[in-house]
Amino acid sequence: MTVSTSTTRKIYDGDGTTTTFPYTWKITDSSHLTVVHTNAAGTETTWSENTQYTVTGVDNGNGGNVVVESAYKPATGTKLTIYLYVPFTQETDYEENDAFPAETHEEALDKLTRQNLYQEDVIDRCVKIPVSDSTSIDTELPSATSRASKLLGFDSSGNMIATNIADTTNFYNKSQLDGGILNSLYYTEDEVDTLISGVSFNLVDDTTPQLGGNLELNDKNVVYGISNTNSFTTTVSVSGATSAYQALYITSGGTFALADCSASGTMPARALSTVSGTGSNSVYLSGVIKNTGWSWTPGTNVYVSTSGSLTQSTVSSGVVQCVGYAISTNTIFLNCNDMFIGVD
């Protein structure tokens, strides 16, 4: 018979149920089929006949089926590939002076055709160069020693070469690197450092950054550095401050002066001074404040004492006002609230 189809390969997606997978070309021996299973990770395994599968339809011009054993049903996410493989042997023997064996001769030609169809399928899946390329192009790979731990590349004439990972001269010029071509490559951290050394990526500061959506912390915490920049300040008219970090109240005239727990008219405190002196100065209204000259007990409240000073000792008389608590030995969280009491 003739070979009327050029199909030599079938690929099926597994569904966890199907066990019968057709092939549509003639074979003269069940061993002329190769069955490959591809798992969900992409790993291919060549199956064995009569272990994972059996074959029907031998010598049938329309093909037959590969029947998979129930225990090996291809699961969802896997593939089963069936393809023709005819051994490259010639077993037809012509006897001298015998009548011409037409059927045997035709079967031999059919076998040759099926062998060529298999080779065509393999060649179609190979890397090839265009027919218009020069015949002088060298498509032979460098030796194993020359290409070990290197990348396959091409020189300026298009010939295959093996190049070091960090050698960009054979791959991209500076303008291509600036253009973001590194986004599609994968390198180790050290290799990236080597690649981008001296390369300008034209980065521009974003002066108005926005999240554009929810911030996913992935079960992590946001850690704030402790510094004076974590506090709220404002500029006011200050009178009588002799140093920084003194408690201040607001006078009836609108200026900020020293608070004193023993003088109810100078309470409650509303701020801390940032500098000594009078005039227009900034004051701390609330927030995290650090002073290396402090020596607090962490976790304990901080109160207004006399002459604008702060204390962690219990105020026994006058006005008792808690203005915050110590975060560390030299840092407090300032919160000048309206909760205060008079003690006789």
C-alpha atoms as a PDB file:
ATOM      1  CA  MET A   1       0.000   0.000   0.000  1.00  0.00           C
ATOM      2  CA  THR A   2       1.015   3.627  -0.285  1.00  0.00           C
ATOM      3  CA  VAL A   3       1.886   6.033   2.562  1.00  0.00           C
ATOM      4  CA  SER A   4      -0.820   8.671   2.275  1.00  0.00           C
ATOM      5  CA  THR A   5      -0.231  10.708   5.453  1.00  0.00           C
ATOM      6  CA  SER A   6       2.731  12.681   6.663  1.00  0.00           C
ATOM      7  CA  THR A   7       1.523  12.711  10.277  1.00  0.00           C
ATOM      8  CA  THR A   8       3.971  10.923  12.563  1.00  0.00           C
ATOM      9  CA  ARG A   9       3.254  12.413  15.974  1.00  0.00           C
ATOM     10  CA  LYS A  10       0.264  12.920  18.295  1.00  0.00           C
ATOM     11  CA  ILE A  11       0.246  14.929  21.529  1.00  0.00           C
ATOM     12  CA  TYR A  12      -2.550  14.490  24.083  1.00  0.00           C
ATOM     13  CA  ASP A  13      -3.358  16.415  27.265  1.00  0.00           C
ATOM     14  CA  GLY A  14      -4.017  14.203  30.266  1.00  0.00           C
ATOM     15  CA  ASP A  15      -7.337  14.426  32.091  1.00  0.00           C
ATOM     16  CA  GLY A  16      -6.940  11.709  34.694  1.00  0.00           C
ATOM     17  CA  THR A  17      -9.594   9.571  32.969  1.00  0.00           C
ATOM     18  CA  THR A  18      -8.701   8.761  29.355  1.00  0.00           C
ATOM     19  CA  THR A  19      -6.676   5.597  28.731  1.00  0.00           C
ATOM     20  CA  THR A  20      -7.056   5.167  24.935  1.00  0.00           C
ATOM     21  CA  PHE A  21      -5.014   7.436  22.650  1.00  0.00           C
ATOM     22  CA  PRO A  22      -5.254   6.980  18.840  1.00  0.00           C
ATOM     23  CA  TYR A  23      -2.451   7.189  16.287  1.00  0.00           C
ATOM     24  CA  THR A  24      -3.337   7.602  12.589  1.00  0.00           C
ATOM     25  CA  TRP A  25      -0.488   6.069  10.561  1.00  0.00           C
ATOM     26  CA  LYS A  26       0.461   2.539   9.659  1.00  0.00           C
ATOM     27  CA  ILE A  27       3.041   0.603  11.618  1.00  0.00           C
ATOM     28  CA  THR A  28       4.292  -2.902  10.868  1.00  0.00           C
ATOM     29  CA  ASP A  29       5.510  -3.566  14.381  1.00  0.00           C
ATOM     30  CA  SER A  30       4.331  -2.243  17.766  1.00  0.00           C
ATOM     31  CA  SER A  31       7.928  -1.285  18.593  1.00  0.00           C
ATOM     32  CA  HIS A  32       7.722   1.331  15.821  1.00  0.00           C
ATOM     33  CA  LEU A  33       5.810   3.583  18.235  1.00  0.00           C
ATOM     34  CA  THR A  34       7.535   5.581  20.981  1.00  0.00           C
ATOM     35  CA  VAL A  35       5.387   6.837  23.858  1.00  0.00           C
ATOM     36  CA  VAL A  36       6.635   9.702  26.060  1.00  0.00           C
ATOM     37  CA  HIS A  37       4.938  10.929  29.235  1.00  0.00           C
ATOM     38  CA  THR A  38       5.539  14.549  30.334  1.00  0.00           C
ATOM     39  CA  ASN A  39       4.685  15.343  33.951  1.00  0.00           C
ATOM     40  CA  ALA A  40       3.407  18.667  35.278  1.00  0.00           C
ATOM     41  CA  ALA A  41       6.969  19.868  35.898  1.00  0.00           C
ATOM     42  CA  GLY A  42       7.891  19.254  32.239  1.00  0.00           C
ATOM     43  CA  THR A  43      10.025  16.164  32.863  1.00  0.00           C
ATOM     44  CA  GLU A  44       9.805  13.624  30.030  1.00  0.00           C
ATOM     45  CA  THR A  45       9.862   9.849  30.567  1.00  0.00           C
ATOM     46  CA  THR A  46       9.852   7.290  27.751  1.00  0.00           C
ATOM     47  CA  TRP A  47       7.375   4.560  28.626  1.00  0.00           C
ATOM     48  CA  SER A  48       7.830   0.853  28.029  1.00  0.00           C
ATOM     49  CA  GLU A  49       5.412  -1.251  26.004  1.00  0.00           C
ATOM     50  CA  ASN A  50       3.546  -3.912  27.999  1.00  0.00           C
ATOM     51  CA  THR A  51       4.417  -2.064  31.219  1.00  0.00           C
ATOM     52  CA  GLN A  52       2.692   1.313  30.930  1.00  0.00           C
ATOM     53  CA  TYR A  53       0.828   0.648  27.660  1.00  0.00           C
ATOM     54  CA  THR A  54      -0.092  -1.754  24.881  1.00  0.00           C
ATOM     55  CA  VAL A  55      -0.536  -1.120  21.141  1.00  0.00           C
ATOM     56  CA  THR A  56      -3.394  -2.082  18.797  1.00  0.00           C
ATOM     57  CA  GLY A  57      -3.706  -1.648  15.024  1.00  0.00           C
ATOM     58  CA  VAL A  58      -0.425  -3.130  13.838  1.00  0.00           C
ATOM     59  CA  ASP A  59      -0.487  -3.403   9.987  1.00  0.00           C
ATOM     60  CA  ASN A  60      -3.688  -1.321   9.875  1.00  0.00           C
ATOM     61  CA  GLY A  61      -3.412   1.382   7.237  1.00  0.00           C
ATOM     62  CA  ASN A  62      -5.453   3.801   9.381  1.00  0.00           C
ATOM     63  CA  GLY A  63      -3.450   3.243  12.543  1.00  0.00           C
ATOM     64  CA  GLY A  64      -4.738   2.114  15.930  1.00  0.00           C
ATOM     65  CA  ASN A  65      -4.548   2.981  19.618  1.00  0.00           C
ATOM     66  CA  VAL A  66      -2.101   3.222  22.434  1.00  0.00           C
ATOM     67  CA  VAL A  67      -3.953   1.808  25.454  1.00  0.00           C
ATOM     68  CA  VAL A  68      -2.528   2.993  28.779  1.00  0.00           C
ATOM     69  CA  GLU A  69      -2.686   0.771  31.826  1.00  0.00           C
ATOM     70  CA  SER A  70      -5.167   2.090  34.394  1.00  0.00           C
ATOM     71  CA  ALA A  71      -2.463   2.743  36.983  1.00  0.00           C
ATOM     72  CA  TYR A  72      -0.688   5.087  34.557  1.00  0.00           C
ATOM     73  CA  LYS A  73      -3.615   7.227  33.315  1.00  0.00           C
ATOM     74  CA  PRO A  74      -2.124  10.650  32.411  1.00  0.00           C
ATOM     75  CA  ALA A  75      -3.296  13.145  35.033  1.00  0.00           C
ATOM     76  CA  THR A  76      -4.558  16.647  34.370  1.00  0.00           C
ATOM     77  CA  GLY A  77      -1.613  18.934  33.659  1.00  0.00           C
ATOM     78  CA  THR A  78       0.445  16.171  32.036  1.00  0.00           C
ATOM     79  CA  LYS A  79       0.938  15.196  28.377  1.00  0.00           C
ATOM     80  CA  LEU A  80       1.274  11.988  26.389  1.00  0.00           C
ATOM     81  CA  THR A  81       3.225  12.090  23.131  1.00  0.00           C
ATOM     82  CA  ILE A  82       3.049   9.233  20.609  1.00  0.00           C
ATOM     83  CA  TYR A  83       5.413   9.313  17.643  1.00  0.00           C
ATOM     84  CA  LEU A  84       6.615   7.064  14.844  1.00  0.00           C
ATOM     85  CA  TYR A  85      10.103   5.651  15.079  1.00  0.00           C
ATOM     86  CA  VAL A  86      11.161   3.112  12.441  1.00  0.00           C
ATOM     87  CA  PRO A  87      14.563   1.444  12.979  1.00  0.00           C
ATOM     88  CA  PHE A  88      17.092   2.358  10.319  1.00  0.00           C
ATOM     89  CA  THR A  89      17.505  -1.169   9.020  1.00  0.00           C
ATOM     90  CA  GLN A  90      16.896  -2.807   5.598  1.00  0.00           C
ATOM     91  CA  GLU A  91      15.628  -6.367   5.906  1.00  0.00           C
ATOM     92  CA  THR A  92      14.251  -6.992   2.398  1.00  0.00           C
ATOM     93  CA  ASP A  93      16.265  -9.642   0.531  1.00  0.00           C
ATOM     94  CA  TYR A  94      15.792 -10.209  -3.220  1.00  0.00           C
ATOM     95  CA  GLU A  95      16.561 -13.678  -4.606  1.00  0.00           C
ATOM     96  CA  GLU A  96      18.211 -13.748  -8.039  1.00  0.00           C
ATOM     97  CA  ASN A  97      15.959 -15.045 -10.846  1.00  0.00           C
ATOM     98  CA  ASP A  98      12.884 -15.080  -8.566  1.00  0.00           C
ATOM     99  CA  ALA A  99       9.681 -13.438  -9.684  1.00  0.00           C
ATOM    100  CA  PHE A 100       9.549  -9.744  -8.800  1.00  0.00           C
ATOM    101  CA  PRO A 101       8.124  -9.509  -5.217  1.00  0.00           C
ATOM    102  CA  ALA A 102       5.888  -6.474  -5.747  1.00  0.00           C
ATOM    103  CA  GLU A 103       4.275  -6.499  -2.306  1.00  0.00           C
ATOM    104  CA  THR A 104       7.567  -6.978  -0.482  1.00  0.00           C
ATOM    105  CA  HIS A 105       9.158  -4.253  -2.621  1.00  0.00           C
ATOM    106  CA  GLU A 106       6.326  -1.834  -1.892  1.00  0.00           C
ATOM    107  CA  GLU A 107       6.551  -2.507   1.844  1.00  0.00           C
ATOM    108  CA  ALA A 108      10.285  -1.758   1.714  1.00  0.00           C
ATOM    109  CA  LEU A 109       9.565   1.562  -0.023  1.00  0.00           C
ATOM    110  CA  ASP A 110       6.874   2.328   2.570  1.00  0.00           C
ATOM    111  CA  LYS A 111       9.386   1.676   5.328  1.00  0.00           C
ATOM    112  CA  LEU A 112      11.861   4.064   3.724  1.00  0.00           C
ATOM    113  CA  THR A 113       9.139   6.698   3.504  1.00  0.00           C
ATOM    114  CA  ARG A 114       8.214   6.279   7.162  1.00  0.00           C
ATOM    115  CA  GLN A 115      11.888   6.577   8.112  1.00  0.00           C
ATOM    116  CA  ASN A 116      12.098   9.833   6.143  1.00  0.00           C
ATOM    117  CA  LEU A 117       8.898  11.132   7.765  1.00  0.00           C
ATOM    118  CA  TYR A 118      10.409  10.502  11.203  1.00  0.00           C
ATOM    119  CA  GLN A 119      13.586  12.362  10.218  1.00  0.00           C
ATOM    120  CA  GLU A 120      11.543  15.233   8.803  1.00  0.00           C
ATOM    121  CA  ASP A 121       9.679  15.558  12.111  1.00  0.00           C
ATOM    122  CA  VAL A 122      12.974  15.689  14.016  1.00  0.00           C
ATOM    123  CA  ILE A 123      14.548  18.189  11.612  1.00  0.00           C
ATOM    124  CA  ASP A 124      11.474  20.449  11.754  1.00  0.00           C
ATOM    125  CA  ARG A 125      12.007  20.814  15.497  1.00  0.00           C
ATOM    126  CA  CYS A 126      15.715  21.655  15.180  1.00  0.00           C
ATOM    127  CA  VAL A 127      17.330  25.089  15.252  1.00  0.00           C
ATOM    128  CA  LYS A 128      18.104  26.055  11.651  1.00  0.00           C
ATOM    129  CA  ILE A 129      19.679  29.025   9.922  1.00  0.00           C
ATOM    130  CA  PRO A 130      17.917  30.814   7.034  1.00  0.00           C
ATOM    131  CA  VAL A 131      18.542  29.475   3.536  1.00  0.00           C
ATOM    132  CA  SER A 132      19.740  32.948   2.551  1.00  0.00           C
ATOM    133  CA  ASP A 133      22.644  32.848   5.038  1.00  0.00           C
ATOM    134  CA  SER A 134      26.148  32.449   3.666  1.00  0.00           C
ATOM    135  CA  THR A 135      27.420  28.883   3.269  1.00  0.00           C
ATOM    136  CA  SER A 136      30.530  29.975   5.191  1.00  0.00           C
ATOM    137  CA  ILE A 137      28.576  30.355   8.450  1.00  0.00           C
ATOM    138  CA  ASP A 138      30.032  27.961  11.031  1.00  0.00           C
ATOM    139  CA  THR A 139      27.179  26.147  12.817  1.00  0.00           C
ATOM    140  CA  GLU A 140      29.349  23.668  14.696  1.00  0.00           C
ATOM    141  CA  LEU A 141      29.300  24.054  18.479  1.00  0.00           C
ATOM    142  CA  PRO A 142      32.581  24.766  20.273  1.00  0.00           C
ATOM    143  CA  SER A 143      34.061  21.761  22.077  1.00  0.00           C
ATOM    144  CA  ALA A 144      32.736  20.743  25.485  1.00  0.00           C
ATOM    145  CA  THR A 145      35.879  22.147  27.133  1.00  0.00           C
ATOM    146  CA  SER A 146      35.523  25.485  25.333  1.00  0.00           C
ATOM    147  CA  ARG A 147      31.815  25.937  26.118  1.00  0.00           C
ATOM    148  CA  ALA A 148      31.767  24.642  29.720  1.00  0.00           C
ATOM    149  CA  SER A 149      30.085  27.154  32.124  1.00  0.00           C
ATOM    150  CA  LYS A 150      29.620  29.645  29.285  1.00  0.00           C
ATOM    151  CA  LEU A 151      26.775  31.007  27.183  1.00  0.00           C
ATOM    152  CA  LEU A 152      26.123  30.192  23.545  1.00  0.00           C
ATOM    153  CA  GLY A 153      26.396  33.336  21.459  1.00  0.00           C
ATOM    154  CA  PHE A 154      27.243  34.633  18.036  1.00  0.00           C
ATOM    155  CA  ASP A 155      30.133  36.747  16.839  1.00  0.00           C
ATOM    156  CA  SER A 156      29.880  39.747  14.504  1.00  0.00           C
ATOM    157  CA  SER A 157      29.663  37.394  11.496  1.00  0.00           C
ATOM    158  CA  GLY A 158      26.907  35.256  12.999  1.00  0.00           C
ATOM    159  CA  ASN A 159      29.140  32.273  13.810  1.00  0.00           C
ATOM    160  CA  MET A 160      28.521  30.300  17.012  1.00  0.00           C
ATOM    161  CA  ILE A 161      30.841  31.079  19.908  1.00  0.00           C
ATOM    162  CA  ALA A 162      31.039  30.331  23.643  1.00  0.00           C
ATOM    163  CA  THR A 163      31.317  33.454  25.750  1.00  0.00           C
ATOM    164  CA  ASN A 164      31.759  34.268  29.420  1.00  0.00           C
ATOM    165  CA  ILE A 165      28.593  35.348  31.247  1.00  0.00           C
ATOM    166  CA  ALA A 166      30.055  38.697  32.262  1.00  0.00           C
ATOM    167  CA  ASP A 167      31.460  39.435  28.790  1.00  0.00           C
ATOM    168  CA  THR A 168      28.920  41.868  27.310  1.00  0.00           C
ATOM    169  CA  THR A 169      31.021  42.816  24.286  1.00  0.00           C
ATOM    170  CA  ASN A 170      29.595  39.871  22.359  1.00  0.00           C
ATOM    171  CA  PHE A 171      26.006  40.604  23.351  1.00  0.00           C
ATOM    172  CA  TYR A 172      24.822  44.155  24.028  1.00  0.00           C
ATOM    173  CA  ASN A 173      26.254  47.615  23.741  1.00  0.00           C
ATOM    174  CA  LYS A 174      25.784  50.373  26.333  1.00  0.00           C
ATOM    175  CA  SER A 175      22.708  51.871  24.674  1.00  0.00           C
ATOM    176  CA  GLN A 176      20.995  48.475  24.699  1.00  0.00           C
ATOM    177  CA  LEU A 177      21.732  48.067  28.401  1.00  0.00           C
ATOM    178  CA  ASP A 178      20.369  51.571  29.060  1.00  0.00           C
ATOM    179  CA  GLY A 179      17.274  50.545  27.110  1.00  0.00           C
ATOM    180  CA  GLY A 180      16.390  47.847  29.641  1.00  0.00           C
ATOM    181  CA  ILE A 181      17.421  44.674  27.842  1.00  0.00           C
ATOM    182  CA  LEU A 182      18.683  43.293  31.172  1.00  0.00           C
ATOM    183  CA  ASN A 183      15.046  42.889  32.203  1.00  0.00           C
ATOM    184  CA  SER A 184      14.823  39.722  30.092  1.00  0.00           C
ATOM    185  CA  LEU A 185      18.054  38.102  31.344  1.00  0.00           C
ATOM    186  CA  TYR A 186      18.893  36.171  34.495  1.00  0.00           C
ATOM    187  CA  TYR A 187      22.203  36.720  36.305  1.00  0.00           C
ATOM    188  CA  THR A 188      23.662  36.256  39.772  1.00  0.00           C
ATOM    189  CA  GLU A 189      24.107  39.368  41.912  1.00  0.00           C
ATOM    190  CA  ASP A 190      27.869  39.459  41.248  1.00  0.00           C
ATOM    191  CA  GLU A 191      27.305  39.081  37.504  1.00  0.00           C
ATOM    192  CA  VAL A 192      24.830  41.966  37.525  1.00  0.00           C
ATOM    193  CA  ASP A 193      27.353  44.149  39.374  1.00  0.00           C
ATOM    194  CA  THR A 194      29.900  43.380  36.658  1.00  0.00           C
ATOM    195  CA  LEU A 195      27.431  43.932  33.829  1.00  0.00           C
ATOM    196  CA  ILE A 196      26.175  47.338  34.959  1.00  0.00           C
ATOM    197  CA  SER A 197      29.501  48.738  36.138  1.00  0.00           C
ATOM    198  CA  GLY A 198      29.800  52.181  34.561  1.00  0.00           C
ATOM    199  CA  VAL A 199      26.402  51.949  32.878  1.00  0.00           C
ATOM    200  CA  SER A 200      23.915  54.805  33.332  1.00  0.00           C
ATOM    201  CA  PHE A 201      20.293  53.730  33.586  1.00  0.00           C
ATOM    202  CA  ASN A 202      18.937  57.314  33.537  1.00  0.00           C
ATOM    203  CA  LEU A 203      17.071  56.891  36.829  1.00  0.00           C
ATOM    204  CA  VAL A 204      15.026  59.884  37.989  1.00  0.00           C
ATOM    205  CA  ASP A 205      13.878  60.537  41.566  1.00  0.00           C
ATOM    206  CA  ASP A 206      10.139  60.310  42.112  1.00  0.00           C
ATOM    207  CA  THR A 207       9.404  63.415  44.194  1.00  0.00           C
ATOM    208  CA  THR A 208       5.745  62.491  44.674  1.00  0.00           C
ATOM    209  CA  PRO A 209       5.735  58.728  45.360  1.00  0.00           C
ATOM    210  CA  GLN A 210       2.354  57.058  45.742  1.00  0.00           C
ATOM    211  CA  LEU A 211       1.437  53.481  46.598  1.00  0.00           C
ATOM    212  CA  GLY A 212      -1.383  53.258  44.058  1.00  0.00           C
ATOM    213  CA  GLY A 213      -2.929  50.491  46.153  1.00  0.00           C
ATOM    214  CA  ASN A 214      -2.689  48.556  49.394  1.00  0.00           C
ATOM    215  CA  LEU A 215       0.757  47.918  50.880  1.00  0.00           C
ATOM    216  CA  GLU A 216       1.256  44.163  51.414  1.00  0.00           C
ATOM    217  CA  LEU A 217       3.626  43.605  54.354  1.00  0.00           C
ATOM    218  CA  ASN A 218       3.749  39.786  53.997  1.00  0.00           C
ATOM    219  CA  ASP A 219       3.552  39.263  57.779  1.00  0.00           C
ATOM    220  CA  LYS A 220       6.395  41.728  58.343  1.00  0.00           C
ATOM    221  CA  ASN A 221       6.477  44.933  60.420  1.00  0.00           C
ATOM    222  CA  VAL A 222       7.195  48.519  59.411  1.00  0.00           C
ATOM    223  CA  VAL A 223      10.116  49.667  61.560  1.00  0.00           C
ATOM    224  CA  TYR A 224      10.526  53.392  62.160  1.00  0.00           C
ATOM    225  CA  GLY A 225      13.873  54.904  62.974  1.00  0.00           C
ATOM    226  CA  ILE A 226      13.831  56.965  66.201  1.00  0.00           C
ATOM    227  CA  SER A 227      14.862  60.550  65.554  1.00  0.00           C
ATOM    228  CA  ASN A 228      13.549  64.071  66.029  1.00  0.00           C
ATOM    229  CA  THR A 229      12.085  63.958  62.541  1.00  0.00           C
ATOM    230  CA  ASN A 230       9.316  61.690  63.910  1.00  0.00           C
ATOM    231  CA  SER A 231       7.842  64.579  65.901  1.00  0.00           C
ATOM    232  CA  PHE A 232       5.417  67.383  65.041  1.00  0.00           C
ATOM    233  CA  THR A 233       6.788  70.916  65.388  1.00  0.00           C
ATOM    234  CA  THR A 234       5.555  74.427  64.753  1.00  0.00           C
ATOM    235  CA  THR A 235       7.028  77.924  65.022  1.00  0.00           C
ATOM    236  CA  VAL A 236       5.644  80.167  67.777  1.00  0.00           C
ATOM    237  CA  SER A 237       6.645  83.097  69.976  1.00  0.00           C
ATOM    238  CA  VAL A 238       8.633  81.740  72.947  1.00  0.00           C
ATOM    239  CA  SER A 239       9.503  83.616  76.133  1.00  0.00           C
ATOM    240  CA  GLY A 240      11.644  82.422  79.020  1.00  0.00           C
ATOM    241  CA  ALA A 241      13.020  79.106  77.687  1.00  0.00           C
ATOM    242  CA  THR A 242      16.497  78.636  79.125  1.00  0.00           C
ATOM    243  CA  SER A 243      17.310  75.423  77.258  1.00  0.00           C
ATOM    244  CA  ALA A 244      15.917  72.908  74.830  1.00  0.00           C
ATOM    245  CA  TYR A 245      13.450  70.180  75.944  1.00  0.00           C
ATOM    246  CA  GLN A 246      11.655  72.347  78.535  1.00  0.00           C
ATOM    247  CA  ALA A 247       7.905  72.128  79.113  1.00  0.00           C
ATOM    248  CA  LEU A 248       5.988  75.171  77.858  1.00  0.00           C
ATOM    249  CA  TYR A 249       2.450  76.443  78.438  1.00  0.00           C
ATOM    250  CA  ILE A 250       0.523  79.011  76.432  1.00  0.00           C
ATOM    251  CA  THR A 251       0.062  82.407  78.076  1.00  0.00           C
ATOM    252  CA  SER A 252      -3.086  84.500  77.683  1.00  0.00           C
ATOM    253  CA  GLY A 253      -1.103  86.639  75.257  1.00  0.00           C
ATOM    254  CA  GLY A 254      -0.459  83.646  73.010  1.00  0.00           C
ATOM    255  CA  THR A 255       3.244  83.183  73.756  1.00  0.00           C
ATOM    256  CA  PHE A 256       4.857  79.973  75.009  1.00  0.00           C
ATOM    257  CA  ALA A 257       6.503  80.199  78.438  1.00  0.00           C
ATOM    258  CA  LEU A 258       7.964  77.790  81.021  1.00  0.00           C
ATOM    259  CA  ALA A 259       5.414  75.497  82.651  1.00  0.00           C
ATOM    260  CA  ASP A 260       5.696  74.757  86.381  1.00  0.00           C
ATOM    261  CA  CYS A 261       3.755  72.061  88.227  1.00  0.00           C
ATOM    262  CA  SER A 262       3.867  74.156  91.440  1.00  0.00           C
ATOM    263  CA  ALA A 263       2.167  77.127  89.774  1.00  0.00           C
ATOM    264  CA  SER A 264      -1.290  76.230  88.454  1.00  0.00           C
ATOM    265  CA  GLY A 265      -1.390  79.356  86.310  1.00  0.00           C
ATOM    266  CA  THR A 266       1.440  77.956  84.180  1.00  0.00           C
ATOM    267  CA  MET A 267      -0.251  74.635  83.539  1.00  0.00           C
ATOM    268  CA  PRO A 268      -1.018  72.519  81.543  1.00  0.00           C
ATOM    269  CA  ALA A 269       2.050  72.167  79.370  1.00  0.00           C
ATOM    270  CA  ARG A 270       1.384  72.196  75.622  1.00  0.00           C
ATOM    271  CA  ALA A 271       4.832  71.764  74.072  1.00  0.00           C
ATOM    272  CA  LEU A 272       8.576  71.324  74.572  1.00  0.00           C
ATOM    273  CA  SER A 273      11.168  73.893  73.560  1.00  0.00           C
ATOM    274  CA  THR A 274      13.609  72.966  70.810  1.00  0.00           C
ATOM    275  CA  VAL A 275      16.221  75.633  71.657  1.00  0.00           C
ATOM    276  CA  SER A 276      16.984  78.099  74.418  1.00  0.00           C
ATOM    277  CA  GLY A 277      16.059  81.770  74.176  1.00  0.00           C
ATOM    278  CA  THR A 278      13.054  83.895  73.319  1.00  0.00           C
ATOM    279  CA  GLY A 279      11.439  85.072  70.146  1.00  0.00           C
ATOM    280  CA  SER A 280      10.202  83.130  67.146  1.00  0.00           C
ATOM    281  CA  ASN A 281      11.301  79.541  67.657  1.00  0.00           C
ATOM    282  CA  SER A 282      10.044  76.091  66.808  1.00  0.00           C
ATOM    283  CA  VAL A 283       8.545  73.878  69.532  1.00  0.00           C
ATOM    284  CA  TYR A 284       7.729  70.166  69.771  1.00  0.00           C
ATOM    285  CA  LEU A 285       3.972  69.596  69.914  1.00  0.00           C
ATOM    286  CA  SER A 286       3.972  65.756  69.951  1.00  0.00           C
ATOM    287  CA  GLY A 287       5.709  62.649  68.648  1.00  0.00           C
ATOM    288  CA  VAL A 288       9.008  60.847  69.204  1.00  0.00           C
ATOM    289  CA  ILE A 289      11.730  63.097  70.665  1.00  0.00           C
ATOM    290  CA  LYS A 290      15.313  62.076  71.323  1.00  0.00           C
ATOM    291  CA  ASN A 291      17.821  63.837  73.584  1.00  0.00           C
ATOM    292  CA  THR A 292      21.156  62.163  74.277  1.00  0.00           C
ATOM    293  CA  GLY A 293      21.333  64.072  77.573  1.00  0.00           C
ATOM    294  CA  TRP A 294      18.312  62.259  79.028  1.00  0.00           C
ATOM    295  CA  SER A 295      18.493  59.150  81.212  1.00  0.00           C
ATOM    296  CA  TRP A 296      14.968  57.738  81.477  1.00  0.00           C
ATOM    297  CA  THR A 297      13.572  54.420  82.663  1.00  0.00           C
ATOM    298  CA  PRO A 298      11.937  52.936  79.540  1.00  0.00           C
ATOM    299  CA  GLY A 299       8.203  52.289  79.816  1.00  0.00           C
ATOM    300  CA  THR A 300       7.672  54.777  82.664  1.00  0.00           C
ATOM    301  CA  ASN A 301       5.536  57.951  82.419  1.00  0.00           C
ATOM    302  CA  VAL A 302       7.091  61.395  82.128  1.00  0.00           C
ATOM    303  CA  TYR A 303       5.616  64.343  84.083  1.00  0.00           C
ATOM    304  CA  VAL A 304       6.001  68.121  84.154  1.00  0.00           C
ATOM    305  CA  SER A 305       8.145  69.244  87.110  1.00  0.00           C
ATOM    306  CA  THR A 306       9.189  72.739  88.172  1.00  0.00           C
ATOM    307  CA  SER A 307      10.668  75.477  85.975  1.00  0.00           C
ATOM    308  CA  GLY A 308       9.892  73.615  82.760  1.00  0.00           C
ATOM    309  CA  SER A 309      11.830  70.486  83.664  1.00  0.00           C
ATOM    310  CA  LEU A 310      10.579  66.931  83.154  1.00  0.00           C
ATOM    311  CA  THR A 311      10.590  64.079  85.654  1.00  0.00           C
ATOM    312  CA  GLN A 312       9.596  60.469  86.130  1.00  0.00           C
ATOM    313  CA  SER A 313       9.193  60.957  89.890  1.00  0.00           C
ATOM    314  CA  THR A 314       5.710  61.222  91.391  1.00  0.00           C
ATOM    315  CA  VAL A 315       4.597  64.855  91.721  1.00  0.00           C
ATOM    316  CA  SER A 316       3.411  65.180  95.337  1.00  0.00           C
ATOM    317  CA  SER A 317       1.836  68.635  95.136  1.00  0.00           C
ATOM    318  CA  GLY A 318       0.595  71.135  92.594  1.00  0.00           C
ATOM    319  CA  VAL A 319      -0.626  70.095  89.151  1.00  0.00           C
ATOM    320  CA  VAL A 320       0.112  66.540  88.007  1.00  0.00           C
ATOM    321  CA  GLN A 321       0.306  66.232  84.216  1.00  0.00           C
ATOM    322  CA  CYS A 322       1.668  63.232  82.314  1.00  0.00           C
ATOM    323  CA  VAL A 323       3.124  64.464  79.013  1.00  0.00           C
ATOM    324  CA  GLY A 324       4.279  61.109  77.619  1.00  0.00           C
ATOM    325  CA  TYR A 325       6.385  58.047  78.364  1.00  0.00           C
ATOM    326  CA  ALA A 326       9.958  56.882  77.840  1.00  0.00           C
ATOM    327  CA  ILE A 327      10.613  54.672  74.819  1.00  0.00           C
ATOM    328  CA  SER A 328      14.282  54.269  75.663  1.00  0.00           C
ATOM    329  CA  THR A 329      16.801  55.869  78.008  1.00  0.00           C
ATOM    330  CA  ASN A 330      17.093  58.949  75.793  1.00  0.00           C
ATOM    331  CA  THR A 331      13.804  58.976  73.879  1.00  0.00           C
ATOM    332  CA  ILE A 332      10.232  59.832  74.848  1.00  0.00           C
ATOM    333  CA  PHE A 333       6.886  59.839  73.117  1.00  0.00           C
ATOM    334  CA  LEU A 334       5.432  63.317  73.751  1.00  0.00           C
ATOM    335  CA  ASN A 335       1.654  63.666  74.154  1.00  0.00           C
ATOM    336  CA  CYS A 336       0.610  66.862  75.953  1.00  0.00           C
ATOM    337  CA  ASN A 337      -3.035  65.993  76.585  1.00  0.00           C
ATOM    338  CA  ASP A 338      -5.683  67.679  78.734  1.00  0.00           C
ATOM    339  CA  MET A 339      -5.610  65.018  81.470  1.00  0.00           C
ATOM    340  CA  PHE A 340      -4.144  66.631  84.604  1.00  0.00           C
ATOM    341  CA  ILE A 341      -5.124  66.896  88.274  1.00  0.00           C
ATOM    342  CA  GLY A 342      -4.367  69.199  91.182  1.00  0.00           C
ATOM    343  CA  VAL A 343      -2.763  67.733  94.307  1.00  0.00           C
ATOM    344  CA  ASP A 344      -2.728  69.622  97.654  1.00  0.00           C
END
